[in-house]
């Protein structure tokens, strides 16, 4: 590098440093929300019971109730932003919403682009059945009949843990699996908690109560990268809602089951 190049490099570096020092501090999202008096939260409207549109054409569901709880705790107005599974993360990264509450699972790829709060909702595959079936673990499946959809995640996970004496009956689709359970062909059913909640809401033929979890993948709230204050505040809200029972009420309302103890 010649003398002229060195001088140019030093000049540009000094200018950049000066700009960095003199640039105004960037207000964080939590501060902006409080100043505006409103929080924009992205929610689903096509994935019951987490989010759907009611007969009054207004969004309703687990995620909508969670969003309402956060806005109330912040003391600001709630603006719901409907999203799909494909655009829910981009809506946060592009500033169209401050938070996304959309049955969002946490994985390494998503953690590269957004930050996550603590878990707020259970999302799992498990074994379900009526109250009189005393089943609390895989070992208790010995001698029991369990309906499951062939090749599903719950089928694969159940196969790993079920004792040899368990009678696992595999069906070709979810409808056949649920029908087999509701008609009494099997004592139990292995499925997802969302499916179980939907079935429990639509029929009174048999209770669909959680017996134990096979595979756990809870839901988290997403925020843009670097918004530590907002994430911390939402975590406070989640913790308080768990402690005072508000979150359990939401779970019972939409999932028809209490929150798991380890959520």
C-alpha atoms as a PDB file:
ATOM      1  CA  UNK A   1       0.000   0.000   0.000  1.00  0.00           C
ATOM      2  CA  UNK A   2       1.524   3.390  -1.060  1.00  0.00           C
ATOM      3  CA  UNK A   3       1.473   6.605   0.949  1.00  0.00           C
ATOM      4  CA  UNK A   4      -1.573   8.000  -0.842  1.00  0.00           C
ATOM      5  CA  UNK A   5      -3.598   4.824  -0.236  1.00  0.00           C
ATOM      6  CA  UNK A   6      -2.620   4.872   3.433  1.00  0.00           C
ATOM      7  CA  UNK A   7      -3.756   8.499   3.803  1.00  0.00           C
ATOM      8  CA  UNK A   8      -7.061   7.729   2.046  1.00  0.00           C
ATOM      9  CA  UNK A   9      -7.618   4.724   4.297  1.00  0.00           C
ATOM     10  CA  UNK A  10      -6.920   6.761   7.445  1.00  0.00           C
ATOM     11  CA  UNK A  11      -9.208   9.555   6.262  1.00  0.00           C
ATOM     12  CA  UNK A  12     -12.126   7.188   5.549  1.00  0.00           C
ATOM     13  CA  UNK A  13     -11.602   5.355   8.844  1.00  0.00           C
ATOM     14  CA  UNK A  14     -11.591   8.617  10.804  1.00  0.00           C
ATOM     15  CA  UNK A  15     -14.814   9.738   9.065  1.00  0.00           C
ATOM     16  CA  UNK A  16     -16.512   6.421   9.822  1.00  0.00           C
ATOM     17  CA  UNK A  17     -15.432   6.593  13.455  1.00  0.00           C
ATOM     18  CA  UNK A  18     -16.721  10.145  13.748  1.00  0.00           C
ATOM     19  CA  UNK A  19     -20.091   9.134  12.299  1.00  0.00           C
ATOM     20  CA  UNK A  20     -20.326   6.240  14.730  1.00  0.00           C
ATOM     21  CA  UNK A  21     -19.591   8.478  17.701  1.00  0.00           C
ATOM     22  CA  UNK A  22     -21.956  11.254  16.644  1.00  0.00           C
ATOM     23  CA  UNK A  23     -24.829   9.022  15.495  1.00  0.00           C
ATOM     24  CA  UNK A  24     -27.889   9.316  17.731  1.00  0.00           C
ATOM     25  CA  UNK A  25     -28.735   6.353  19.964  1.00  0.00           C
ATOM     26  CA  UNK A  26     -31.314   4.018  18.464  1.00  0.00           C
ATOM     27  CA  UNK A  27     -34.478   3.800  20.563  1.00  0.00           C
ATOM     28  CA  UNK A  28     -35.370   0.197  21.307  1.00  0.00           C
ATOM     29  CA  UNK A  29     -38.691  -1.419  20.408  1.00  0.00           C
ATOM     30  CA  UNK A  30     -40.051  -1.397  23.960  1.00  0.00           C
ATOM     31  CA  UNK A  31     -39.413   2.333  24.257  1.00  0.00           C
ATOM     32  CA  UNK A  32     -41.087   2.950  20.886  1.00  0.00           C
ATOM     33  CA  UNK A  33     -44.119   0.876  21.897  1.00  0.00           C
ATOM     34  CA  UNK A  34     -44.590   2.847  25.106  1.00  0.00           C
ATOM     35  CA  UNK A  35     -44.223   6.156  23.295  1.00  0.00           C
ATOM     36  CA  UNK A  36     -46.705   5.159  20.574  1.00  0.00           C
ATOM     37  CA  UNK A  37     -49.110   3.595  23.055  1.00  0.00           C
ATOM     38  CA  UNK A  38     -49.651   0.622  20.759  1.00  0.00           C
ATOM     39  CA  UNK A  39     -48.031  -2.755  20.092  1.00  0.00           C
ATOM     40  CA  UNK A  40     -48.361  -4.595  16.787  1.00  0.00           C
ATOM     41  CA  UNK A  41     -48.435  -8.364  17.220  1.00  0.00           C
ATOM     42  CA  UNK A  42     -48.503 -10.820  14.329  1.00  0.00           C
ATOM     43  CA  UNK A  43     -50.994 -13.656  14.907  1.00  0.00           C
ATOM     44  CA  UNK A  44     -52.441 -16.557  12.883  1.00  0.00           C
ATOM     45  CA  UNK A  45     -56.050 -16.605  11.685  1.00  0.00           C
ATOM     46  CA  UNK A  46     -55.973 -19.993   9.953  1.00  0.00           C
ATOM     47  CA  UNK A  47     -54.656 -22.358  12.626  1.00  0.00           C
ATOM     48  CA  UNK A  48     -57.199 -23.209  15.322  1.00  0.00           C
ATOM     49  CA  UNK A  49     -57.140 -23.318  18.273  1.00  0.00           C
ATOM     50  CA  UNK A  50     -54.125 -20.964  18.249  1.00  0.00           C
ATOM     51  CA  UNK A  51     -55.708 -18.476  15.892  1.00  0.00           C
ATOM     52  CA  UNK A  52     -58.829 -18.350  13.757  1.00  0.00           C
ATOM     53  CA  UNK A  53     -61.672 -15.990  12.801  1.00  0.00           C
ATOM     54  CA  UNK A  54     -64.822 -16.165  14.912  1.00  0.00           C
ATOM     55  CA  UNK A  55     -68.430 -15.773  13.791  1.00  0.00           C
ATOM     56  CA  UNK A  56     -68.061 -12.057  14.573  1.00  0.00           C
ATOM     57  CA  UNK A  57     -65.192 -11.981  12.026  1.00  0.00           C
ATOM     58  CA  UNK A  58     -62.696 -11.116  14.745  1.00  0.00           C
ATOM     59  CA  UNK A  59     -59.493 -13.099  15.429  1.00  0.00           C
ATOM     60  CA  UNK A  60     -59.734 -15.517  18.351  1.00  0.00           C
ATOM     61  CA  UNK A  61     -57.643 -18.273  19.864  1.00  0.00           C
ATOM     62  CA  UNK A  62     -54.794 -19.063  22.234  1.00  0.00           C
ATOM     63  CA  UNK A  63     -52.324 -16.730  20.492  1.00  0.00           C
ATOM     64  CA  UNK A  64     -54.805 -13.870  20.375  1.00  0.00           C
ATOM     65  CA  UNK A  65     -55.465 -14.196  24.126  1.00  0.00           C
ATOM     66  CA  UNK A  66     -51.702 -14.224  24.745  1.00  0.00           C
ATOM     67  CA  UNK A  67     -51.286 -11.076  22.645  1.00  0.00           C
ATOM     68  CA  UNK A  68     -54.104  -9.405  24.597  1.00  0.00           C
ATOM     69  CA  UNK A  69     -52.394 -10.325  27.866  1.00  0.00           C
ATOM     70  CA  UNK A  70     -49.097  -8.746  26.765  1.00  0.00           C
ATOM     71  CA  UNK A  71     -50.719  -5.508  25.587  1.00  0.00           C
ATOM     72  CA  UNK A  72     -52.664  -5.267  28.847  1.00  0.00           C
ATOM     73  CA  UNK A  73     -49.504  -5.799  30.896  1.00  0.00           C
ATOM     74  CA  UNK A  74     -47.703  -3.104  28.905  1.00  0.00           C
ATOM     75  CA  UNK A  75     -50.643  -0.738  29.264  1.00  0.00           C
ATOM     76  CA  UNK A  76     -50.881  -0.122  25.510  1.00  0.00           C
ATOM     77  CA  UNK A  77     -53.395  -0.676  22.724  1.00  0.00           C
ATOM     78  CA  UNK A  78     -53.183  -3.957  20.817  1.00  0.00           C
ATOM     79  CA  UNK A  79     -53.018  -4.008  17.021  1.00  0.00           C
ATOM     80  CA  UNK A  80     -53.360  -7.544  15.661  1.00  0.00           C
ATOM     81  CA  UNK A  81     -51.549  -8.236  12.387  1.00  0.00           C
ATOM     82  CA  UNK A  82     -52.837 -11.401  10.625  1.00  0.00           C
ATOM     83  CA  UNK A  83     -50.042 -13.563   9.196  1.00  0.00           C
ATOM     84  CA  UNK A  84     -49.532 -16.956   7.578  1.00  0.00           C
ATOM     85  CA  UNK A  85     -46.943 -19.579   8.467  1.00  0.00           C
ATOM     86  CA  UNK A  86     -44.688 -18.384   5.629  1.00  0.00           C
ATOM     87  CA  UNK A  87     -44.668 -14.639   6.352  1.00  0.00           C
ATOM     88  CA  UNK A  88     -44.898 -14.594  10.169  1.00  0.00           C
ATOM     89  CA  UNK A  89     -41.130 -14.257  10.724  1.00  0.00           C
ATOM     90  CA  UNK A  90     -40.532 -11.695   7.917  1.00  0.00           C
ATOM     91  CA  UNK A  91     -43.272  -9.488   9.382  1.00  0.00           C
ATOM     92  CA  UNK A  92     -41.106  -9.070  12.482  1.00  0.00           C
ATOM     93  CA  UNK A  93     -37.748  -8.702  10.723  1.00  0.00           C
ATOM     94  CA  UNK A  94     -39.158  -6.039   8.372  1.00  0.00           C
ATOM     95  CA  UNK A  95     -40.768  -4.037  11.168  1.00  0.00           C
ATOM     96  CA  UNK A  96     -44.427  -4.728  10.317  1.00  0.00           C
ATOM     97  CA  UNK A  97     -44.901  -6.102  13.834  1.00  0.00           C
ATOM     98  CA  UNK A  98     -42.963  -5.895  17.086  1.00  0.00           C
ATOM     99  CA  UNK A  99     -43.790  -9.471  18.101  1.00  0.00           C
ATOM    100  CA  UNK A 100     -45.008 -12.652  16.463  1.00  0.00           C
ATOM    101  CA  UNK A 101     -47.244 -15.007  18.440  1.00  0.00           C
ATOM    102  CA  UNK A 102     -48.094 -17.757  15.991  1.00  0.00           C
ATOM    103  CA  UNK A 103     -47.488 -21.237  17.488  1.00  0.00           C
ATOM    104  CA  UNK A 104     -43.849 -20.665  16.633  1.00  0.00           C
ATOM    105  CA  UNK A 105     -41.342 -23.405  17.397  1.00  0.00           C
ATOM    106  CA  UNK A 106     -37.708 -22.575  18.143  1.00  0.00           C
ATOM    107  CA  UNK A 107     -34.922 -23.977  15.969  1.00  0.00           C
ATOM    108  CA  UNK A 108     -31.336 -22.953  15.059  1.00  0.00           C
ATOM    109  CA  UNK A 109     -32.304 -21.491  11.663  1.00  0.00           C
ATOM    110  CA  UNK A 110     -34.952 -19.220  13.158  1.00  0.00           C
ATOM    111  CA  UNK A 111     -32.632 -18.195  15.978  1.00  0.00           C
ATOM    112  CA  UNK A 112     -30.295 -16.725  13.361  1.00  0.00           C
ATOM    113  CA  UNK A 113     -32.883 -14.123  12.332  1.00  0.00           C
ATOM    114  CA  UNK A 114     -35.101 -13.514  15.389  1.00  0.00           C
ATOM    115  CA  UNK A 115     -34.896 -13.800  19.174  1.00  0.00           C
ATOM    116  CA  UNK A 116     -37.270 -15.857  21.287  1.00  0.00           C
ATOM    117  CA  UNK A 117     -38.971 -15.360  24.632  1.00  0.00           C
ATOM    118  CA  UNK A 118     -39.654 -18.144  27.104  1.00  0.00           C
ATOM    119  CA  UNK A 119     -42.215 -20.764  26.063  1.00  0.00           C
ATOM    120  CA  UNK A 120     -45.831 -19.645  26.418  1.00  0.00           C
ATOM    121  CA  UNK A 121     -47.820 -22.583  25.015  1.00  0.00           C
ATOM    122  CA  UNK A 122     -47.509 -26.351  24.853  1.00  0.00           C
ATOM    123  CA  UNK A 123     -47.188 -28.006  21.473  1.00  0.00           C
ATOM    124  CA  UNK A 124     -46.536 -31.703  21.681  1.00  0.00           C
ATOM    125  CA  UNK A 125     -47.282 -35.221  20.536  1.00  0.00           C
ATOM    126  CA  UNK A 126     -48.667 -37.377  23.291  1.00  0.00           C
ATOM    127  CA  UNK A 127     -50.925 -40.179  24.400  1.00  0.00           C
ATOM    128  CA  UNK A 128     -54.499 -39.173  25.213  1.00  0.00           C
ATOM    129  CA  UNK A 129     -57.457 -40.958  26.735  1.00  0.00           C
ATOM    130  CA  UNK A 130     -60.424 -40.833  29.117  1.00  0.00           C
ATOM    131  CA  UNK A 131     -60.130 -40.026  32.805  1.00  0.00           C
ATOM    132  CA  UNK A 132     -60.560 -43.630  33.927  1.00  0.00           C
ATOM    133  CA  UNK A 133     -57.485 -44.855  32.017  1.00  0.00           C
ATOM    134  CA  UNK A 134     -54.660 -44.774  34.556  1.00  0.00           C
ATOM    135  CA  UNK A 135     -51.753 -44.081  32.238  1.00  0.00           C
ATOM    136  CA  UNK A 136     -48.928 -41.712  33.182  1.00  0.00           C
ATOM    137  CA  UNK A 137     -45.920 -43.058  31.278  1.00  0.00           C
ATOM    138  CA  UNK A 138     -44.923 -45.308  28.399  1.00  0.00           C
ATOM    139  CA  UNK A 139     -44.547 -48.238  30.791  1.00  0.00           C
ATOM    140  CA  UNK A 140     -48.260 -47.973  31.625  1.00  0.00           C
ATOM    141  CA  UNK A 141     -49.135 -48.783  27.996  1.00  0.00           C
ATOM    142  CA  UNK A 142     -48.464 -52.467  28.656  1.00  0.00           C
ATOM    143  CA  UNK A 143     -51.567 -54.399  27.612  1.00  0.00           C
ATOM    144  CA  UNK A 144     -53.303 -51.258  26.311  1.00  0.00           C
ATOM    145  CA  UNK A 145     -54.600 -50.606  22.785  1.00  0.00           C
ATOM    146  CA  UNK A 146     -53.466 -47.312  21.241  1.00  0.00           C
ATOM    147  CA  UNK A 147     -54.641 -45.789  17.967  1.00  0.00           C
ATOM    148  CA  UNK A 148     -52.056 -43.893  15.899  1.00  0.00           C
ATOM    149  CA  UNK A 149     -51.699 -42.648  12.327  1.00  0.00           C
ATOM    150  CA  UNK A 150     -49.227 -44.759  10.396  1.00  0.00           C
ATOM    151  CA  UNK A 151     -45.911 -43.019   9.651  1.00  0.00           C
ATOM    152  CA  UNK A 152     -46.740 -39.899  11.668  1.00  0.00           C
ATOM    153  CA  UNK A 153     -44.306 -38.298  14.117  1.00  0.00           C
ATOM    154  CA  UNK A 154     -46.304 -39.721  17.002  1.00  0.00           C
ATOM    155  CA  UNK A 155     -46.150 -43.196  15.420  1.00  0.00           C
ATOM    156  CA  UNK A 156     -42.363 -43.019  15.147  1.00  0.00           C
ATOM    157  CA  UNK A 157     -41.933 -41.686  18.689  1.00  0.00           C
ATOM    158  CA  UNK A 158     -44.471 -44.082  20.203  1.00  0.00           C
ATOM    159  CA  UNK A 159     -42.709 -47.027  18.591  1.00  0.00           C
ATOM    160  CA  UNK A 160     -39.508 -46.040  20.392  1.00  0.00           C
ATOM    161  CA  UNK A 161     -41.035 -46.073  23.879  1.00  0.00           C
ATOM    162  CA  UNK A 162     -44.021 -48.452  23.868  1.00  0.00           C
ATOM    163  CA  UNK A 163     -43.480 -51.751  25.718  1.00  0.00           C
ATOM    164  CA  UNK A 164     -43.632 -54.972  23.708  1.00  0.00           C
ATOM    165  CA  UNK A 165     -47.020 -55.861  25.173  1.00  0.00           C
ATOM    166  CA  UNK A 166     -48.655 -52.617  24.019  1.00  0.00           C
ATOM    167  CA  UNK A 167     -51.139 -53.132  21.176  1.00  0.00           C
ATOM    168  CA  UNK A 168     -50.448 -50.268  18.774  1.00  0.00           C
ATOM    169  CA  UNK A 169     -53.138 -50.103  16.081  1.00  0.00           C
ATOM    170  CA  UNK A 170     -52.054 -48.074  13.061  1.00  0.00           C
ATOM    171  CA  UNK A 171     -54.508 -46.321  10.758  1.00  0.00           C
ATOM    172  CA  UNK A 172     -53.952 -44.691   7.383  1.00  0.00           C
ATOM    173  CA  UNK A 173     -55.059 -41.146   8.222  1.00  0.00           C
ATOM    174  CA  UNK A 174     -55.949 -38.931  11.173  1.00  0.00           C
ATOM    175  CA  UNK A 175     -59.698 -39.241  10.654  1.00  0.00           C
ATOM    176  CA  UNK A 176     -59.536 -43.044  10.853  1.00  0.00           C
ATOM    177  CA  UNK A 177     -57.297 -42.838  13.923  1.00  0.00           C
ATOM    178  CA  UNK A 178     -59.620 -40.488  15.792  1.00  0.00           C
ATOM    179  CA  UNK A 179     -62.723 -42.432  14.729  1.00  0.00           C
ATOM    180  CA  UNK A 180     -61.183 -45.643  16.070  1.00  0.00           C
ATOM    181  CA  UNK A 181     -60.588 -44.024  19.433  1.00  0.00           C
ATOM    182  CA  UNK A 182     -63.963 -42.280  19.691  1.00  0.00           C
ATOM    183  CA  UNK A 183     -65.829 -45.471  18.756  1.00  0.00           C
ATOM    184  CA  UNK A 184     -64.041 -47.428  21.473  1.00  0.00           C
ATOM    185  CA  UNK A 185     -61.926 -49.619  19.185  1.00  0.00           C
ATOM    186  CA  UNK A 186     -58.898 -48.534  21.225  1.00  0.00           C
ATOM    187  CA  UNK A 187     -58.438 -47.432  24.810  1.00  0.00           C
ATOM    188  CA  UNK A 188     -56.049 -44.599  23.959  1.00  0.00           C
ATOM    189  CA  UNK A 189     -54.892 -42.475  21.048  1.00  0.00           C
ATOM    190  CA  UNK A 190     -51.490 -41.022  20.180  1.00  0.00           C
ATOM    191  CA  UNK A 191     -51.702 -37.672  18.392  1.00  0.00           C
ATOM    192  CA  UNK A 192     -50.831 -33.981  18.657  1.00  0.00           C
ATOM    193  CA  UNK A 193     -52.270 -31.814  21.416  1.00  0.00           C
ATOM    194  CA  UNK A 194     -53.828 -29.459  18.852  1.00  0.00           C
ATOM    195  CA  UNK A 195     -55.687 -32.345  17.212  1.00  0.00           C
ATOM    196  CA  UNK A 196     -56.751 -33.635  20.626  1.00  0.00           C
ATOM    197  CA  UNK A 197     -58.095 -30.214  21.620  1.00  0.00           C
ATOM    198  CA  UNK A 198     -60.042 -29.857  18.362  1.00  0.00           C
ATOM    199  CA  UNK A 199     -61.574 -33.327  18.762  1.00  0.00           C
ATOM    200  CA  UNK A 200     -62.445 -32.704  22.401  1.00  0.00           C
ATOM    201  CA  UNK A 201     -64.220 -29.475  21.429  1.00  0.00           C
ATOM    202  CA  UNK A 202     -66.263 -31.049  18.633  1.00  0.00           C
ATOM    203  CA  UNK A 203     -67.533 -34.181  20.352  1.00  0.00           C
ATOM    204  CA  UNK A 204     -68.646 -35.464  23.735  1.00  0.00           C
ATOM    205  CA  UNK A 205     -68.337 -39.140  22.842  1.00  0.00           C
ATOM    206  CA  UNK A 206     -65.135 -39.607  24.851  1.00  0.00           C
ATOM    207  CA  UNK A 207     -62.796 -37.318  26.759  1.00  0.00           C
ATOM    208  CA  UNK A 208     -59.431 -36.692  25.085  1.00  0.00           C
ATOM    209  CA  UNK A 209     -57.246 -35.953  28.102  1.00  0.00           C
ATOM    210  CA  UNK A 210     -53.445 -35.797  28.137  1.00  0.00           C
ATOM    211  CA  UNK A 211     -51.856 -38.899  29.668  1.00  0.00           C
ATOM    212  CA  UNK A 212     -48.202 -38.198  28.906  1.00  0.00           C
ATOM    213  CA  UNK A 213     -46.032 -36.386  26.369  1.00  0.00           C
ATOM    214  CA  UNK A 214     -44.083 -38.359  23.763  1.00  0.00           C
ATOM    215  CA  UNK A 215     -42.300 -35.483  22.032  1.00  0.00           C
ATOM    216  CA  UNK A 216     -42.295 -31.895  23.237  1.00  0.00           C
ATOM    217  CA  UNK A 217     -41.959 -28.833  20.987  1.00  0.00           C
ATOM    218  CA  UNK A 218     -43.405 -25.809  22.839  1.00  0.00           C
ATOM    219  CA  UNK A 219     -44.336 -22.487  21.277  1.00  0.00           C
ATOM    220  CA  UNK A 220     -42.337 -19.291  21.730  1.00  0.00           C
ATOM    221  CA  UNK A 221     -42.907 -15.608  21.001  1.00  0.00           C
ATOM    222  CA  UNK A 222     -40.571 -14.080  18.430  1.00  0.00           C
ATOM    223  CA  UNK A 223     -39.009 -10.597  18.456  1.00  0.00           C
ATOM    224  CA  UNK A 224     -36.523  -8.858  16.214  1.00  0.00           C
ATOM    225  CA  UNK A 225     -32.830  -9.389  16.922  1.00  0.00           C
ATOM    226  CA  UNK A 226     -31.318  -7.135  19.567  1.00  0.00           C
ATOM    227  CA  UNK A 227     -34.574  -6.204  21.332  1.00  0.00           C
ATOM    228  CA  UNK A 228     -33.442  -7.470  24.734  1.00  0.00           C
ATOM    229  CA  UNK A 229     -35.638  -5.075  26.735  1.00  0.00           C
ATOM    230  CA  UNK A 230     -38.793  -6.138  24.905  1.00  0.00           C
ATOM    231  CA  UNK A 231     -37.967  -9.839  25.260  1.00  0.00           C
ATOM    232  CA  UNK A 232     -37.283  -9.379  28.986  1.00  0.00           C
ATOM    233  CA  UNK A 233     -40.599  -7.568  29.484  1.00  0.00           C
ATOM    234  CA  UNK A 234     -42.549 -10.279  27.636  1.00  0.00           C
ATOM    235  CA  UNK A 235     -40.790 -12.922  29.738  1.00  0.00           C
ATOM    236  CA  UNK A 236     -41.978 -11.080  32.855  1.00  0.00           C
ATOM    237  CA  UNK A 237     -45.547 -11.193  31.522  1.00  0.00           C
ATOM    238  CA  UNK A 238     -45.310 -14.907  30.743  1.00  0.00           C
ATOM    239  CA  UNK A 239     -43.855 -15.691  34.177  1.00  0.00           C
ATOM    240  CA  UNK A 240     -46.551 -13.689  35.936  1.00  0.00           C
ATOM    241  CA  UNK A 241     -49.310 -15.323  33.875  1.00  0.00           C
ATOM    242  CA  UNK A 242     -47.976 -18.773  34.761  1.00  0.00           C
ATOM    243  CA  UNK A 243     -47.792 -17.905  38.450  1.00  0.00           C
ATOM    244  CA  UNK A 244     -51.243 -16.312  38.780  1.00  0.00           C
ATOM    245  CA  UNK A 245     -52.994 -18.938  36.656  1.00  0.00           C
ATOM    246  CA  UNK A 246     -53.987 -16.707  33.730  1.00  0.00           C
ATOM    247  CA  UNK A 247     -51.969 -18.763  31.247  1.00  0.00           C
ATOM    248  CA  UNK A 248     -53.475 -21.979  32.551  1.00  0.00           C
ATOM    249  CA  UNK A 249     -56.953 -20.516  31.992  1.00  0.00           C
ATOM    250  CA  UNK A 250     -56.029 -19.796  28.367  1.00  0.00           C
ATOM    251  CA  UNK A 251     -54.738 -23.358  27.950  1.00  0.00           C
ATOM    252  CA  UNK A 252     -57.904 -24.839  29.431  1.00  0.00           C
ATOM    253  CA  UNK A 253     -60.057 -22.595  27.256  1.00  0.00           C
ATOM    254  CA  UNK A 254     -58.409 -23.417  23.935  1.00  0.00           C
ATOM    255  CA  UNK A 255     -56.484 -26.684  24.434  1.00  0.00           C
ATOM    256  CA  UNK A 256     -58.877 -28.270  26.961  1.00  0.00           C
ATOM    257  CA  UNK A 257     -55.896 -29.323  29.060  1.00  0.00           C
ATOM    258  CA  UNK A 258     -53.877 -27.714  31.833  1.00  0.00           C
ATOM    259  CA  UNK A 259     -50.399 -26.403  31.117  1.00  0.00           C
ATOM    260  CA  UNK A 260     -47.693 -29.045  31.482  1.00  0.00           C
ATOM    261  CA  UNK A 261     -45.741 -28.599  34.715  1.00  0.00           C
ATOM    262  CA  UNK A 262     -42.444 -28.307  32.841  1.00  0.00           C
ATOM    263  CA  UNK A 263     -43.508 -25.597  30.366  1.00  0.00           C
END
